[in-house]
Amino acid sequence: MKLPDPAATLFVLRPPPPVETCLFYHSVNLSPGEEITGTWDLRPRVDAYLGHVDFSGRSVLEIGPASGFLSFHMEQRGAKVTALEPPMEHLWDVVPLAGFDRAGWRTDFSKTITGVRNSFWYMHHLHGSQVKLIETDPQAIPEAVGTFDIGVLAAVLLHCRAPFNLIESLARRVRKTMIITELYDASLGEEPLSKLIARSTIPQVDTWWAFTPNFIVNALGLLGFGEAEISVHHQLRTIDGLQVPMFTVVAHRS
């Protein structure tokens, strides 16, 4: 008797949702001359965002794909992509801000995330994508998921209570290269630092940290990815029209 694949239960495939149920986190092209504007438009500088890595013939594990713009871009560049999201019951870590209506926020946030995930599946079916989606705890990725050439964490760590744990969890599943992109704050300097930006005076509970590029370099070095390059670039945040500075670390196993 053939035993079931332990990874098979993690994979999710959903039908195409109506576009009116979608919330696009990334700006996307639906067809020539037709587009939808999302919160971020990565299209003009997507290669810089991903560190100018060659994805041809590579397998990729991406954590937190949102609308899937990067997932589908890497696939179009020749990668075999698996994306990973936490189950809806878990979502992402919430800052324990005293006096904040976390239950009400989580209800609203769940609706937002449902819309964003719908946009992933809308684009997945629109383009006939072969990107696979897994739902599991990103901080404890099971061995059954397998191993990959490249791991991608794109503006995810700032939302995590324990960012090193997430880096380590992904690194265990990656053979060759890690790509990590985060917001860049030049005022933090050159030391390997993380800054707790959540404040008791600011009513937000979804963003924890800011990092220096060398924090990411050092963290990856501890995990065996000792050959690292840092680049800084700007990406368009469409909600306010700002070109936001970001950094990308590309690190290879030594």
Protein backbone atom coordinates (compact mmCIF):
# COMPACT_ATOMS: atom_id res chain seq x y z
CA MET A 1 0.00 0.00 0.00
CA LYS A 2 1.35 3.43 -0.97
CA LEU A 3 1.68 5.73 2.02
CA PRO A 4 0.28 9.27 1.69
CA ASP A 5 2.73 12.08 1.02
CA PRO A 6 3.09 13.92 4.37
CA ALA A 7 3.52 17.21 2.52
CA ALA A 8 0.39 16.77 0.41
CA THR A 9 -1.95 17.82 3.24
CA LEU A 10 -0.15 21.18 3.45
CA PHE A 11 -0.81 22.19 -0.15
CA VAL A 12 -3.81 24.37 -0.92
CA LEU A 13 -5.56 24.98 -4.24
CA ARG A 14 -8.56 27.29 -4.33
CA PRO A 15 -10.97 28.15 -7.17
CA PRO A 16 -10.76 31.55 -8.87
CA PRO A 17 -12.62 34.14 -6.77
CA PRO A 18 -14.65 37.04 -8.21
CA VAL A 19 -12.38 40.03 -8.72
CA GLU A 20 -14.66 42.19 -6.56
CA THR A 21 -13.71 40.02 -3.54
CA CYS A 22 -10.01 40.70 -4.08
CA LEU A 23 -7.77 43.21 -2.34
CA PHE A 24 -4.54 43.69 -4.28
CA TYR A 25 -1.50 44.37 -2.12
CA HIS A 26 0.69 44.67 -5.23
CA SER A 27 -0.10 46.50 -8.44
CA VAL A 28 -0.56 43.99 -11.25
CA ASN A 29 -1.12 43.79 -14.98
CA LEU A 30 -4.28 41.89 -15.83
CA SER A 31 -3.83 42.15 -19.62
CA PRO A 32 -2.15 44.56 -22.03
CA GLY A 33 -3.39 48.01 -21.11
CA GLU A 34 -5.37 46.78 -18.07
CA GLU A 35 -4.00 46.96 -14.56
CA ILE A 36 -5.03 47.11 -10.92
CA THR A 37 -3.28 49.44 -8.49
CA GLY A 38 -2.27 47.91 -5.18
CA THR A 39 -0.70 49.31 -2.04
CA TRP A 40 2.80 48.82 -3.52
CA ASP A 41 3.95 48.93 -7.12
CA LEU A 42 7.09 46.81 -7.39
CA ARG A 43 6.95 46.45 -11.17
CA PRO A 44 9.52 49.13 -12.18
CA ARG A 45 12.26 47.83 -9.83
CA VAL A 46 11.32 44.25 -9.08
CA ASP A 47 14.76 42.92 -10.05
CA ALA A 48 16.39 45.25 -7.52
CA TYR A 49 13.82 44.18 -4.93
CA LEU A 50 14.92 40.57 -5.40
CA GLY A 51 18.63 41.36 -5.45
CA HIS A 52 19.11 40.73 -9.20
CA VAL A 53 19.17 36.97 -8.58
CA ASP A 54 18.97 34.59 -11.53
CA PHE A 55 15.91 32.37 -10.95
CA SER A 56 16.15 30.25 -14.08
CA GLY A 57 15.92 26.57 -13.22
CA ARG A 58 15.87 27.25 -9.46
CA SER A 59 13.39 26.07 -6.84
CA VAL A 60 12.12 28.80 -4.51
CA LEU A 61 10.32 28.85 -1.17
CA GLU A 62 8.74 32.25 -0.50
CA ILE A 63 7.20 33.16 2.86
CA GLY A 64 4.20 35.49 2.83
CA PRO A 65 3.41 36.04 -0.87
CA ALA A 66 0.43 38.42 -0.32
CA SER A 67 -1.05 39.00 -3.81
CA GLY A 68 1.68 36.81 -5.30
CA PHE A 69 3.35 39.41 -7.48
CA LEU A 70 6.85 38.21 -6.59
CA SER A 71 5.80 34.55 -6.77
CA PHE A 72 4.51 34.90 -10.32
CA HIS A 73 7.43 37.12 -11.35
CA MET A 74 9.96 34.51 -10.19
CA GLU A 75 7.97 31.82 -11.98
CA GLN A 76 8.05 33.87 -15.18
CA ARG A 77 11.83 34.12 -14.74
CA GLY A 78 12.09 30.34 -14.79
CA ALA A 79 11.75 29.35 -11.14
CA LYS A 80 9.68 26.55 -9.67
CA VAL A 81 7.99 28.44 -6.84
CA THR A 82 6.34 27.29 -3.64
CA ALA A 83 4.74 29.99 -1.50
CA LEU A 84 3.90 29.60 2.18
CA GLU A 85 1.22 31.30 4.24
CA PRO A 86 0.24 30.70 7.87
CA PRO A 87 -3.26 29.26 8.37
CA MET A 88 -5.97 31.87 8.83
CA GLU A 89 -6.38 30.77 12.45
CA HIS A 90 -2.85 31.97 13.17
CA LEU A 91 -2.23 34.85 10.78
CA TRP A 92 0.68 37.05 11.89
CA ASP A 93 1.95 38.11 15.30
CA VAL A 94 0.02 40.89 17.01
CA VAL A 95 1.75 43.47 19.21
CA PRO A 96 0.23 43.11 22.73
CA LEU A 97 -0.63 46.80 23.00
CA ALA A 98 -2.40 47.49 26.31
CA GLY A 99 -5.93 48.82 25.92
CA PHE A 100 -6.08 48.12 22.18
CA ASP A 101 -9.13 46.27 20.80
CA ARG A 102 -7.15 43.35 19.42
CA ALA A 103 -10.22 41.16 18.91
CA GLY A 104 -11.91 43.83 16.78
CA TRP A 105 -8.71 44.50 14.91
CA ARG A 106 -8.22 40.79 14.19
CA THR A 107 -11.76 40.55 12.80
CA ASP A 108 -11.11 43.44 10.42
CA PHE A 109 -7.62 42.18 9.59
CA SER A 110 -8.99 38.73 8.77
CA LYS A 111 -11.30 40.31 6.20
CA THR A 112 -8.35 42.20 4.72
CA ILE A 113 -6.16 39.09 4.55
CA THR A 114 -8.99 37.12 2.94
CA GLY A 115 -9.18 39.78 0.21
CA VAL A 116 -5.41 39.70 -0.30
CA ARG A 117 -5.37 35.91 -0.52
CA ASN A 118 -8.25 36.05 -2.97
CA SER A 119 -6.12 38.31 -5.16
CA PHE A 120 -3.38 35.65 -5.12
CA TRP A 121 -5.78 33.02 -6.43
CA TYR A 122 -7.34 35.39 -8.94
CA MET A 123 -3.92 36.06 -10.50
CA HIS A 124 -2.92 32.39 -10.15
CA HIS A 125 -5.84 31.27 -12.30
CA LEU A 126 -5.65 34.25 -14.65
CA HIS A 127 -2.09 33.38 -15.64
CA GLY A 128 -2.45 29.59 -15.41
CA SER A 129 0.33 29.61 -12.81
CA GLN A 130 2.02 26.47 -11.48
CA VAL A 131 3.05 28.17 -8.22
CA LYS A 132 2.20 25.92 -5.27
CA LEU A 133 0.83 27.26 -1.99
CA ILE A 134 1.40 25.69 1.41
CA GLU A 135 -0.39 26.60 4.61
CA THR A 136 1.67 25.83 7.71
CA ASP A 137 3.46 27.53 10.59
CA PRO A 138 6.28 29.53 8.92
CA GLN A 139 8.36 29.43 12.11
CA ALA A 140 8.30 25.62 12.16
CA ILE A 141 8.34 24.59 8.50
CA PRO A 142 8.11 20.77 8.46
CA GLU A 143 10.78 18.68 6.77
CA ALA A 144 8.07 17.16 4.56
CA VAL A 145 7.99 20.44 2.60
CA GLY A 146 11.40 19.51 1.21
CA THR A 147 14.42 21.65 0.37
CA PHE A 148 14.84 24.50 -2.09
CA ASP A 149 17.60 26.36 -3.89
CA ILE A 150 16.39 29.80 -2.79
CA GLY A 151 14.44 31.18 0.17
CA VAL A 152 12.65 34.54 0.02
CA LEU A 153 11.48 36.77 2.87
CA ALA A 154 10.12 39.96 1.32
CA ALA A 155 9.12 42.62 3.89
CA VAL A 156 7.87 39.96 6.30
CA LEU A 157 10.27 40.08 9.26
CA LEU A 158 9.07 43.49 10.45
CA HIS A 159 5.70 41.88 11.22
CA CYS A 160 7.11 39.02 13.36
CA ARG A 161 7.56 38.87 17.11
CA ALA A 162 10.62 36.61 16.74
CA PRO A 163 12.25 37.45 13.39
CA PHE A 164 15.36 35.31 13.90
CA ASN A 165 13.16 32.25 14.43
CA LEU A 166 11.55 32.83 11.05
CA ILE A 167 14.90 33.30 9.31
CA GLU A 168 16.19 30.09 10.89
CA SER A 169 13.06 28.13 9.98
CA LEU A 170 13.36 29.09 6.32
CA ALA A 171 17.14 28.62 6.24
CA ARG A 172 16.73 24.98 7.28
CA ARG A 173 14.84 24.35 4.06
CA VAL A 174 17.26 26.23 1.76
CA ARG A 175 20.32 24.72 0.11
CA LYS A 176 21.97 27.69 -1.57
CA THR A 177 20.65 31.27 -1.39
CA MET A 178 18.58 33.46 0.93
CA ILE A 179 16.97 36.72 -0.24
CA ILE A 180 15.69 39.06 2.48
CA THR A 181 14.21 42.50 1.77
CA GLU A 182 13.16 45.02 4.41
CA LEU A 183 12.55 48.75 4.84
CA TYR A 184 15.78 50.74 5.07
CA ASP A 185 16.33 53.29 7.82
CA ALA A 186 19.74 54.91 7.31
CA SER A 187 19.56 56.55 10.75
CA LEU A 188 20.10 53.15 12.39
CA GLY A 189 23.70 53.12 11.17
CA GLU A 190 25.93 50.22 10.21
CA GLU A 191 25.80 48.02 13.31
CA PRO A 192 23.81 44.73 13.25
CA LEU A 193 20.77 46.19 15.03
CA SER A 194 17.03 45.69 15.27
CA LYS A 195 14.85 48.49 16.59
CA LEU A 196 11.52 47.92 18.31
CA ILE A 197 9.30 50.46 16.57
CA ALA A 198 6.00 49.45 18.19
CA ARG A 199 5.07 52.13 20.75
CA SER A 200 2.45 52.44 23.46
CA THR A 201 1.52 55.82 21.98
CA ILE A 202 0.93 54.51 18.44
CA PRO A 203 -2.32 52.54 17.87
CA GLN A 204 -0.92 49.87 15.56
CA VAL A 205 -0.32 46.20 16.31
CA ASP A 206 1.01 44.67 13.08
CA THR A 207 4.54 46.11 12.82
CA TRP A 208 7.27 45.30 15.33
CA TRP A 209 10.76 46.02 14.02
CA ALA A 210 13.15 47.94 11.84
CA PHE A 211 16.47 46.32 10.92
CA THR A 212 19.86 47.36 9.68
CA PRO A 213 21.14 45.40 6.68
CA ASN A 214 23.97 44.06 8.83
CA PHE A 215 21.51 42.55 11.28
CA ILE A 216 20.28 40.37 8.41
CA VAL A 217 23.85 39.69 7.22
CA ASN A 218 24.92 38.57 10.70
CA ALA A 219 21.82 36.46 11.25
CA LEU A 220 22.34 34.64 7.95
CA GLY A 221 26.04 34.23 8.67
CA LEU A 222 25.20 32.40 11.89
CA LEU A 223 23.08 30.01 9.85
CA GLY A 224 25.83 29.21 7.34
CA PHE A 225 25.07 31.79 4.64
CA GLY A 226 28.39 33.57 4.90
CA GLU A 227 28.70 35.17 1.45
CA ALA A 228 26.39 38.19 1.53
CA GLU A 229 25.74 41.26 -0.60
CA ILE A 230 23.67 44.31 0.38
CA SER A 231 21.84 46.61 -2.02
CA VAL A 232 19.58 49.62 -1.40
CA HIS A 233 16.73 50.60 -3.70
CA HIS A 234 13.46 52.53 -3.67
CA GLN A 235 9.97 51.13 -4.22
CA LEU A 236 6.72 52.99 -4.91
CA ARG A 237 4.11 52.99 -2.15
CA THR A 238 1.04 53.99 -4.11
CA ILE A 239 -1.15 55.00 -1.17
CA ASP A 240 0.96 58.13 -0.64
CA GLY A 241 3.13 58.23 -3.77
CA LEU A 242 6.38 57.92 -1.82
CA GLN A 243 9.50 56.20 -3.12
CA VAL A 244 10.35 54.21 0.00
CA PRO A 245 13.97 53.16 0.67
CA MET A 246 14.46 49.42 1.09
CA PHE A 247 17.42 47.08 1.32
CA THR A 248 17.95 43.58 0.04
CA VAL A 249 20.44 41.06 1.37
CA VAL A 250 21.37 38.15 -0.90
CA ALA A 251 23.40 35.54 0.97
CA HIS A 252 24.83 32.22 -0.21
CA ARG A 253 25.89 29.19 1.77
CA SER A 254 29.62 29.36 2.36
